[in-house]
PDB file of N, CA and C in Angstrom:
ATOM      1  N   MET A   1     -30.770  23.543  11.559  1.00  0.00           N
ATOM      2  CA  MET A   1     -30.504  22.626  11.055  1.00  0.00           C
ATOM      3  C   MET A   1     -29.524  23.089  10.268  1.00  0.00           C
ATOM      4  N   ASP A   2     -29.223  24.556  10.759  1.00  0.00           N
ATOM      5  CA  ASP A   2     -27.943  25.460  10.322  1.00  0.00           C
ATOM      6  C   ASP A   2     -26.674  24.831  10.966  1.00  0.00           C
ATOM      7  N   LYS A   3     -27.374  24.978  12.367  1.00  0.00           N
ATOM      8  CA  LYS A   3     -26.263  24.581  13.195  1.00  0.00           C
ATOM      9  C   LYS A   3     -25.497  22.713  13.437  1.00  0.00           C
ATOM     10  N   ASN A   4     -26.855  22.035  12.594  1.00  0.00           N
ATOM     11  CA  ASN A   4     -26.709  20.762  12.400  1.00  0.00           C
ATOM     12  C   ASN A   4     -24.974  20.635  11.408  1.00  0.00           C
ATOM     13  N   LYS A   5     -25.539  21.749  10.088  1.00  0.00           N
ATOM     14  CA  LYS A   5     -24.612  21.276   9.318  1.00  0.00           C
ATOM     15  C   LYS A   5     -22.857  21.897   9.478  1.00  0.00           C
ATOM     16  N   ASP A   6     -22.770  22.726  10.556  1.00  0.00           N
ATOM     17  CA  ASP A   6     -21.833  23.233  10.773  1.00  0.00           C
ATOM     18  C   ASP A   6     -20.992  22.795  11.522  1.00  0.00           C
ATOM     19  N   SER A   7     -21.522  21.477  12.821  1.00  0.00           N
ATOM     20  CA  SER A   7     -20.759  20.514  13.549  1.00  0.00           C
ATOM     21  C   SER A   7     -20.844  19.813  12.793  1.00  0.00           C
ATOM     22  N   LYS A   8     -20.749  19.110  11.760  1.00  0.00           N
ATOM     23  CA  LYS A   8     -20.762  18.001  10.291  1.00  0.00           C
ATOM     24  C   LYS A   8     -19.449  18.805  10.195  1.00  0.00           C
ATOM     25  N   ASP A   9     -19.299  19.775   9.576  1.00  0.00           N
ATOM     26  CA  ASP A   9     -18.186  20.010   8.801  1.00  0.00           C
ATOM     27  C   ASP A   9     -16.923  20.664   9.658  1.00  0.00           C
ATOM     28  N   LYS A  10     -17.451  21.367  10.747  1.00  0.00           N
ATOM     29  CA  LYS A  10     -15.890  21.076  11.375  1.00  0.00           C
ATOM     30  C   LYS A  10     -15.318  19.726  12.049  1.00  0.00           C
ATOM     31  N   GLY A  11     -16.155  18.441  12.687  1.00  0.00           N
ATOM     32  CA  GLY A  11     -15.942  17.469  12.559  1.00  0.00           C
ATOM     33  C   GLY A  11     -15.887  16.780  11.705  1.00  0.00           C
ATOM     34  N   SER A  12     -15.996  16.842   9.979  1.00  0.00           N
ATOM     35  CA  SER A  12     -14.984  16.744   8.898  1.00  0.00           C
ATOM     36  C   SER A  12     -13.604  17.530   8.763  1.00  0.00           C
ATOM     37  N   GLN A  13     -13.604  18.741   8.992  1.00  0.00           N
ATOM     38  CA  GLN A  13     -12.100  19.116   9.267  1.00  0.00           C
ATOM     39  C   GLN A  13     -11.196  18.507  10.151  1.00  0.00           C
ATOM     40  N   LEU A  14     -11.639  18.150  11.532  1.00  0.00           N
ATOM     41  CA  LEU A  14     -10.585  17.795  12.502  1.00  0.00           C
ATOM     42  C   LEU A  14     -11.137  16.249  12.702  1.00  0.00           C
ATOM     43  N   ARG A  15     -11.273  15.675  11.579  1.00  0.00           N
ATOM     44  CA  ARG A  15     -10.641  14.353  11.088  1.00  0.00           C
ATOM     45  C   ARG A  15      -9.475  14.504  10.506  1.00  0.00           C
ATOM     46  N   LYS A  16      -9.783  15.513   9.401  1.00  0.00           N
ATOM     47  CA  LYS A  16      -8.955  15.728   7.956  1.00  0.00           C
ATOM     48  C   LYS A  16      -7.390  16.007   8.949  1.00  0.00           C
ATOM     49  N   PHE A  17      -7.756  16.749   9.984  1.00  0.00           N
ATOM     50  CA  PHE A  17      -6.746  17.648  10.271  1.00  0.00           C
ATOM     51  C   PHE A  17      -5.566  16.152  10.900  1.00  0.00           C
ATOM     52  N   ALA A  18      -6.283  15.442  11.983  1.00  0.00           N
ATOM     53  CA  ALA A  18      -5.572  14.439  12.216  1.00  0.00           C
ATOM     54  C   ALA A  18      -5.137  13.334  11.325  1.00  0.00           C
ATOM     55  N   ILE A  19      -5.800  13.160   9.603  1.00  0.00           N
ATOM     56  CA  ILE A  19      -5.283  12.192   9.042  1.00  0.00           C
ATOM     57  C   ILE A  19      -4.008  12.920   8.599  1.00  0.00           C
ATOM     58  N   LEU A  20      -3.850  14.272   8.539  1.00  0.00           N
ATOM     59  CA  LEU A  20      -2.751  14.786   8.023  1.00  0.00           C
ATOM     60  C   LEU A  20      -1.816  14.608   9.041  1.00  0.00           C
ATOM     61  N   THR A  21      -2.018  14.954  10.498  1.00  0.00           N
ATOM     62  CA  THR A  21      -1.181  14.828  11.082  1.00  0.00           C
ATOM     63  C   THR A  21      -0.610  13.480  11.323  1.00  0.00           C
ATOM     64  N   GLY A  22      -0.880  12.605  11.166  1.00  0.00           N
ATOM     65  CA  GLY A  22      -0.631  10.939  11.016  1.00  0.00           C
ATOM     66  C   GLY A  22      -0.189  10.640   9.901  1.00  0.00           C
ATOM     67  N   ILE A  23       0.053  11.427   8.791  1.00  0.00           N
ATOM     68  CA  ILE A  23       0.548  11.616   8.082  1.00  0.00           C
ATOM     69  C   ILE A  23       2.077  11.957   7.788  1.00  0.00           C
ATOM     70  N   ALA A  24       2.356  12.955   8.546  1.00  0.00           N
ATOM     71  CA  ALA A  24       3.654  13.795   8.398  1.00  0.00           C
ATOM     72  C   ALA A  24       4.582  12.184   9.705  1.00  0.00           C
ATOM     73  N   PHE A  25       3.701  11.857  10.755  1.00  0.00           N
ATOM     74  CA  PHE A  25       4.294  11.035  11.627  1.00  0.00           C
ATOM     75  C   PHE A  25       5.198   9.562  10.989  1.00  0.00           C
ATOM     76  N   GLN A  26       4.036   9.233   9.765  1.00  0.00           N
ATOM     77  CA  GLN A  26       3.922   7.785   9.146  1.00  0.00           C
ATOM     78  C   GLN A  26       5.225   8.045   8.066  1.00  0.00           C
ATOM     79  N   MET A  27       5.371   9.089   7.565  1.00  0.00           N
ATOM     80  CA  MET A  27       6.779  10.097   6.615  1.00  0.00           C
ATOM     81  C   MET A  27       8.080   9.268   7.106  1.00  0.00           C
ATOM     82  N   GLY A  28       7.659  10.057   8.570  1.00  0.00           N
ATOM     83  CA  GLY A  28       9.378  10.124   9.416  1.00  0.00           C
ATOM     84  C   GLY A  28       9.319   8.765   9.700  1.00  0.00           C
ATOM     85  N   ALA A  29       8.487   8.134  10.131  1.00  0.00           N
ATOM     86  CA  ALA A  29       8.942   6.447  10.140  1.00  0.00           C
ATOM     87  C   ALA A  29       9.046   5.100   9.436  1.00  0.00           C
ATOM     88  N   THR A  30       8.581   5.871   8.291  1.00  0.00           N
ATOM     89  CA  THR A  30       9.181   5.303   7.081  1.00  0.00           C
ATOM     90  C   THR A  30      10.829   5.647   6.508  1.00  0.00           C
ATOM     91  N   ILE A  31      11.101   7.052   6.721  1.00  0.00           N
ATOM     92  CA  ILE A  31      11.858   7.513   6.037  1.00  0.00           C
ATOM     93  C   ILE A  31      12.738   7.167   7.261  1.00  0.00           C
ATOM     94  N   PHE A  32      13.016   6.982   8.431  1.00  0.00           N
ATOM     95  CA  PHE A  32      13.850   6.332   9.714  1.00  0.00           C
ATOM     96  C   PHE A  32      14.391   4.771   9.360  1.00  0.00           C
ATOM     97  N   LEU A  33      13.119   4.302   8.990  1.00  0.00           N
ATOM     98  CA  LEU A  33      12.951   2.749   8.604  1.00  0.00           C
ATOM     99  C   LEU A  33      14.434   2.330   7.393  1.00  0.00           C
ATOM    100  N   PHE A  34      13.779   3.099   7.091  1.00  0.00           N
ATOM    101  CA  PHE A  34      14.716   2.695   5.664  1.00  0.00           C
ATOM    102  C   PHE A  34      15.969   3.525   5.909  1.00  0.00           C
ATOM    103  N   ALA A  35      16.475   4.575   6.795  1.00  0.00           N
ATOM    104  CA  ALA A  35      17.700   4.822   6.965  1.00  0.00           C
ATOM    105  C   ALA A  35      18.484   3.732   7.655  1.00  0.00           C
ATOM    106  N   TYR A  36      17.572   3.566   8.828  1.00  0.00           N
ATOM    107  CA  TYR A  36      17.909   2.323  10.051  1.00  0.00           C
ATOM    108  C   TYR A  36      18.204   1.303   9.253  1.00  0.00           C
ATOM    109  N   ILE A  37      17.809   0.431   7.935  1.00  0.00           N
ATOM    110  CA  ILE A  37      18.119  -0.609   7.419  1.00  0.00           C
ATOM    111  C   ILE A  37      19.404  -0.475   6.185  1.00  0.00           C
ATOM    112  N   GLY A  38      19.585   0.955   5.905  1.00  0.00           N
ATOM    113  CA  GLY A  38      20.657   1.101   5.313  1.00  0.00           C
ATOM    114  C   GLY A  38      22.187   1.408   5.756  1.00  0.00           C
ATOM    115  N   GLU A  39      22.043   1.915   7.497  1.00  0.00           N
ATOM    116  CA  GLU A  39      22.968   1.858   7.687  1.00  0.00           C
ATOM    117  C   GLU A  39      23.696   0.451   8.525  1.00  0.00           C
ATOM    118  N   LYS A  40      22.771  -0.660   8.985  1.00  0.00           N
ATOM    119  CA  LYS A  40      22.861  -1.993   8.825  1.00  0.00           C
ATOM    120  C   LYS A  40      23.199  -2.632   7.812  1.00  0.00           C
ATOM    121  N   LEU A  41      22.850  -2.528   6.771  1.00  0.00           N
ATOM    122  CA  LEU A  41      23.674  -2.965   5.655  1.00  0.00           C
ATOM    123  C   LEU A  41      24.951  -2.048   5.023  1.00  0.00           C
ATOM    124  N   ASP A  42      25.415  -0.917   5.264  1.00  0.00           N
ATOM    125  CA  ASP A  42      26.644  -0.370   5.391  1.00  0.00           C
ATOM    126  C   ASP A  42      27.067  -1.241   6.617  1.00  0.00           C
ATOM    127  N   ALA A  43      26.602  -1.500   7.387  1.00  0.00           N
ATOM    128  CA  ALA A  43      27.702  -1.755   8.438  1.00  0.00           C
ATOM    129  C   ALA A  43      28.193  -3.302   8.623  1.00  0.00           C
ATOM    130  N   TYR A  44      26.779  -4.039   7.834  1.00  0.00           N
ATOM    131  CA  TYR A  44      27.298  -5.675   7.340  1.00  0.00           C
ATOM    132  C   TYR A  44      28.228  -5.660   6.915  1.00  0.00           C
ATOM    133  N   TYR A  45      27.766  -5.556   5.487  1.00  0.00           N
ATOM    134  CA  TYR A  45      29.050  -5.597   4.025  1.00  0.00           C
ATOM    135  C   TYR A  45      30.469  -4.103   4.442  1.00  0.00           C
ATOM    136  N   GLY A  46      30.224  -3.262   5.547  1.00  0.00           N
ATOM    137  CA  GLY A  46      32.076  -2.916   5.885  1.00  0.00           C
ATOM    138  C   GLY A  46      32.212  -1.607   5.468  1.00  0.00           C
ATOM    139  N   PHE A  47      31.068  -1.207   4.512  1.00  0.00           N
ATOM    140  CA  PHE A  47      31.341  -0.444   3.102  1.00  0.00           C
ATOM    141  C   PHE A  47      31.707   1.213   4.003  1.00  0.00           C
ATOM    142  N   GLN A  48      32.629   1.671   3.597  1.00  0.00           N
ATOM    143  CA  GLN A  48      33.766   2.793   4.324  1.00  0.00           C
ATOM    144  C   GLN A  48      32.382   4.575   4.070  1.00  0.00           C
ATOM    145  N   GLU A  49      32.291   4.430   3.202  1.00  0.00           N
ATOM    146  CA  GLU A  49      31.386   4.962   2.659  1.00  0.00           C
ATOM    147  C   GLU A  49      30.187   4.742   2.815  1.00  0.00           C
ATOM    148  N   LYS A  50      28.981   6.135   2.756  1.00  0.00           N
ATOM    149  CA  LYS A  50      27.413   5.396   3.581  1.00  0.00           C
ATOM    150  C   LYS A  50      26.683   5.606   2.207  1.00  0.00           C
ATOM    151  N   TRP A  51      26.828   4.776   0.697  1.00  0.00           N
ATOM    152  CA  TRP A  51      25.720   4.618  -0.055  1.00  0.00           C
ATOM    153  C   TRP A  51      24.779   3.577   0.189  1.00  0.00           C
ATOM    154  N   LEU A  52      24.365   2.790   0.736  1.00  0.00           N
ATOM    155  CA  LEU A  52      23.770   2.177   1.267  1.00  0.00           C
ATOM    156  C   LEU A  52      22.296   3.155   1.536  1.00  0.00           C
ATOM    157  N   THR A  53      22.805   3.327   2.870  1.00  0.00           N
ATOM    158  CA  THR A  53      22.160   4.083   3.787  1.00  0.00           C
ATOM    159  C   THR A  53      21.832   5.432   2.805  1.00  0.00           C
ATOM    160  N   ILE A  54      22.639   5.800   1.920  1.00  0.00           N
ATOM    161  CA  ILE A  54      22.346   7.184   1.458  1.00  0.00           C
ATOM    162  C   ILE A  54      20.775   6.316   0.036  1.00  0.00           C
ATOM    163  N   ILE A  55      21.009   6.111  -0.218  1.00  0.00           N
ATOM    164  CA  ILE A  55      19.906   5.036  -1.123  1.00  0.00           C
ATOM    165  C   ILE A  55      18.928   4.368  -0.835  1.00  0.00           C
ATOM    166  N   PHE A  56      19.686   3.981   1.138  1.00  0.00           N
ATOM    167  CA  PHE A  56      17.183   3.708   0.981  1.00  0.00           C
ATOM    168  C   PHE A  56      17.182   4.607   1.885  1.00  0.00           C
ATOM    169  N   VAL A  57      17.690   5.403   2.398  1.00  0.00           N
ATOM    170  CA  VAL A  57      17.437   6.866   2.505  1.00  0.00           C
ATOM    171  C   VAL A  57      16.628   7.521   1.302  1.00  0.00           C
ATOM    172  N   LEU A  58      17.165   7.494   0.074  1.00  0.00           N
ATOM    173  CA  LEU A  58      15.879   7.982  -0.865  1.00  0.00           C
ATOM    174  C   LEU A  58      14.554   7.084  -1.473  1.00  0.00           C
ATOM    175  N   LEU A  59      15.193   6.042  -1.158  1.00  0.00           N
ATOM    176  CA  LEU A  59      14.049   5.162  -1.294  1.00  0.00           C
ATOM    177  C   LEU A  59      12.578   5.453   0.014  1.00  0.00           C
ATOM    178  N   GLY A  60      13.236   5.699   1.213  1.00  0.00           N
ATOM    179  CA  GLY A  60      12.148   5.812   1.638  1.00  0.00           C
ATOM    180  C   GLY A  60      11.533   6.755   1.686  1.00  0.00           C
ATOM    181  N   VAL A  61      12.309   8.444   0.716  1.00  0.00           N
ATOM    182  CA  VAL A  61      11.467   9.382   0.748  1.00  0.00           C
ATOM    183  C   VAL A  61      10.755   9.170   0.009  1.00  0.00           C
ATOM    184  N   ALA A  62      11.118   8.146  -1.371  1.00  0.00           N
ATOM    185  CA  ALA A  62      10.304   8.864  -2.277  1.00  0.00           C
ATOM    186  C   ALA A  62       8.609   7.432  -1.777  1.00  0.00           C
ATOM    187  N   SER A  63       9.383   6.310  -0.926  1.00  0.00           N
ATOM    188  CA  SER A  63       8.090   5.564  -1.227  1.00  0.00           C
ATOM    189  C   SER A  63       7.625   6.401   0.145  1.00  0.00           C
ATOM    190  N   SER A  64       7.713   7.126   0.978  1.00  0.00           N
ATOM    191  CA  SER A  64       6.492   7.864   1.825  1.00  0.00           C
ATOM    192  C   SER A  64       5.926   9.119   0.734  1.00  0.00           C
ATOM    193  N   LEU A  65       7.112   9.881   0.261  1.00  0.00           N
ATOM    194  CA  LEU A  65       5.969  10.002  -1.030  1.00  0.00           C
ATOM    195  C   LEU A  65       4.468   9.892  -1.847  1.00  0.00           C
ATOM    196  N   TYR A  66       4.918   9.102  -2.478  1.00  0.00           N
ATOM    197  CA  TYR A  66       4.143   7.915  -3.322  1.00  0.00           C
ATOM    198  C   TYR A  66       2.595   7.893  -1.780  1.00  0.00           C
ATOM    199  N   LEU A  67       2.968   7.204  -0.954  1.00  0.00           N
ATOM    200  CA  LEU A  67       1.591   6.906   0.472  1.00  0.00           C
ATOM    201  C   LEU A  67       1.102   8.016   0.020  1.00  0.00           C
ATOM    202  N   VAL A  68       1.982   9.323   0.347  1.00  0.00           N
ATOM    203  CA  VAL A  68       1.075  10.647   0.801  1.00  0.00           C
ATOM    204  C   VAL A  68      -0.151  10.869  -0.072  1.00  0.00           C
ATOM    205  N   ILE A  69       0.765  11.143  -1.135  1.00  0.00           N
ATOM    206  CA  ILE A  69       0.109  11.328  -2.618  1.00  0.00           C
ATOM    207  C   ILE A  69      -1.241  10.495  -2.173  1.00  0.00           C
ATOM    208  N   LYS A  70      -1.439   8.665  -2.335  1.00  0.00           N
ATOM    209  CA  LYS A  70      -1.952   8.009  -2.642  1.00  0.00           C
ATOM    210  C   LYS A  70      -3.141   8.187  -1.634  1.00  0.00           C
ATOM    211  N   GLN A  71      -2.681   8.688   0.171  1.00  0.00           N
ATOM    212  CA  GLN A  71      -3.676   9.152   1.134  1.00  0.00           C
ATOM    213  C   GLN A  71      -4.396  10.410   1.160  1.00  0.00           C
ATOM    214  N   LEU A  72      -3.526  11.295   0.120  1.00  0.00           N
ATOM    215  CA  LEU A  72      -4.486  12.562  -0.133  1.00  0.00           C
ATOM    216  C   LEU A  72      -5.476  12.492  -1.383  1.00  0.00           C
ATOM    217  N   ASN A  73      -4.909  11.358  -2.243  1.00  0.00           N
ATOM    218  CA  ASN A  73      -6.348  11.324  -2.937  1.00  0.00           C
ATOM    219  C   ASN A  73      -7.698  11.049  -2.646  1.00  0.00           C
ATOM    220  N   LYS A  74      -7.194   9.876  -1.964  1.00  0.00           N
ATOM    221  CA  LYS A  74      -8.147   8.942  -0.949  1.00  0.00           C
ATOM    222  C   LYS A  74      -9.025  10.332   0.180  1.00  0.00           C
ATOM    223  N   ILE A  75      -8.357  10.766   0.128  1.00  0.00           N
ATOM    224  CA  ILE A  75      -8.768  12.400   1.310  1.00  0.00           C
ATOM    225  C   ILE A  75     -10.248  12.850  -0.197  1.00  0.00           C
ATOM    226  N   ASN A  76      -9.657  13.356  -1.258  1.00  0.00           N
ATOM    227  CA  ASN A  76     -10.014  13.907  -1.522  1.00  0.00           C
ATOM    228  C   ASN A  76     -11.395  13.688  -2.502  1.00  0.00           C
ATOM    229  N   ARG A  77     -11.149  11.938  -3.108  1.00  0.00           N
ATOM    230  CA  ARG A  77     -12.385  11.462  -3.375  1.00  0.00           C
ATOM    231  C   ARG A  77     -13.303  11.472  -2.437  1.00  0.00           C
ATOM    232  N   SER A  78     -12.945  10.896  -1.454  1.00  0.00           N
ATOM    233  CA  SER A  78     -14.353  10.771  -0.363  1.00  0.00           C
ATOM    234  C   SER A  78     -15.103  12.133  -0.105  1.00  0.00           C
ATOM    235  N   ASN A  79     -14.910  13.624  -0.648  1.00  0.00           N
ATOM    236  CA  ASN A  79     -15.615  15.076  -0.403  1.00  0.00           C
ATOM    237  C   ASN A  79     -16.839  14.733  -1.258  1.00  0.00           C
TER     238      ASN A  79
END
C-alpha cells in the first residue's frame, strides 16, 4: 500500500513539472507574439523609434505573468 502512494506522488510531481515546463513555453510565445505585433505596428505607422514594440513587449510580459500566477494558483488549489 505504501508503494502505491509513492507511485501516485511521483506521478503528481511529474504532472506538475510538465505543467510548469509548458508555462515557460507559453510565456515565451506570448511575449514573442506581442513583440511581433508591436514591431508590425511600428513599421505600419512608420515610427523611427520602436515605442509600440516596447509598449507591446511590456504588455506581453504583464499578461504572461498574470497567466502564470493564475495557473499556479490553480495548481496549488488542486493539492
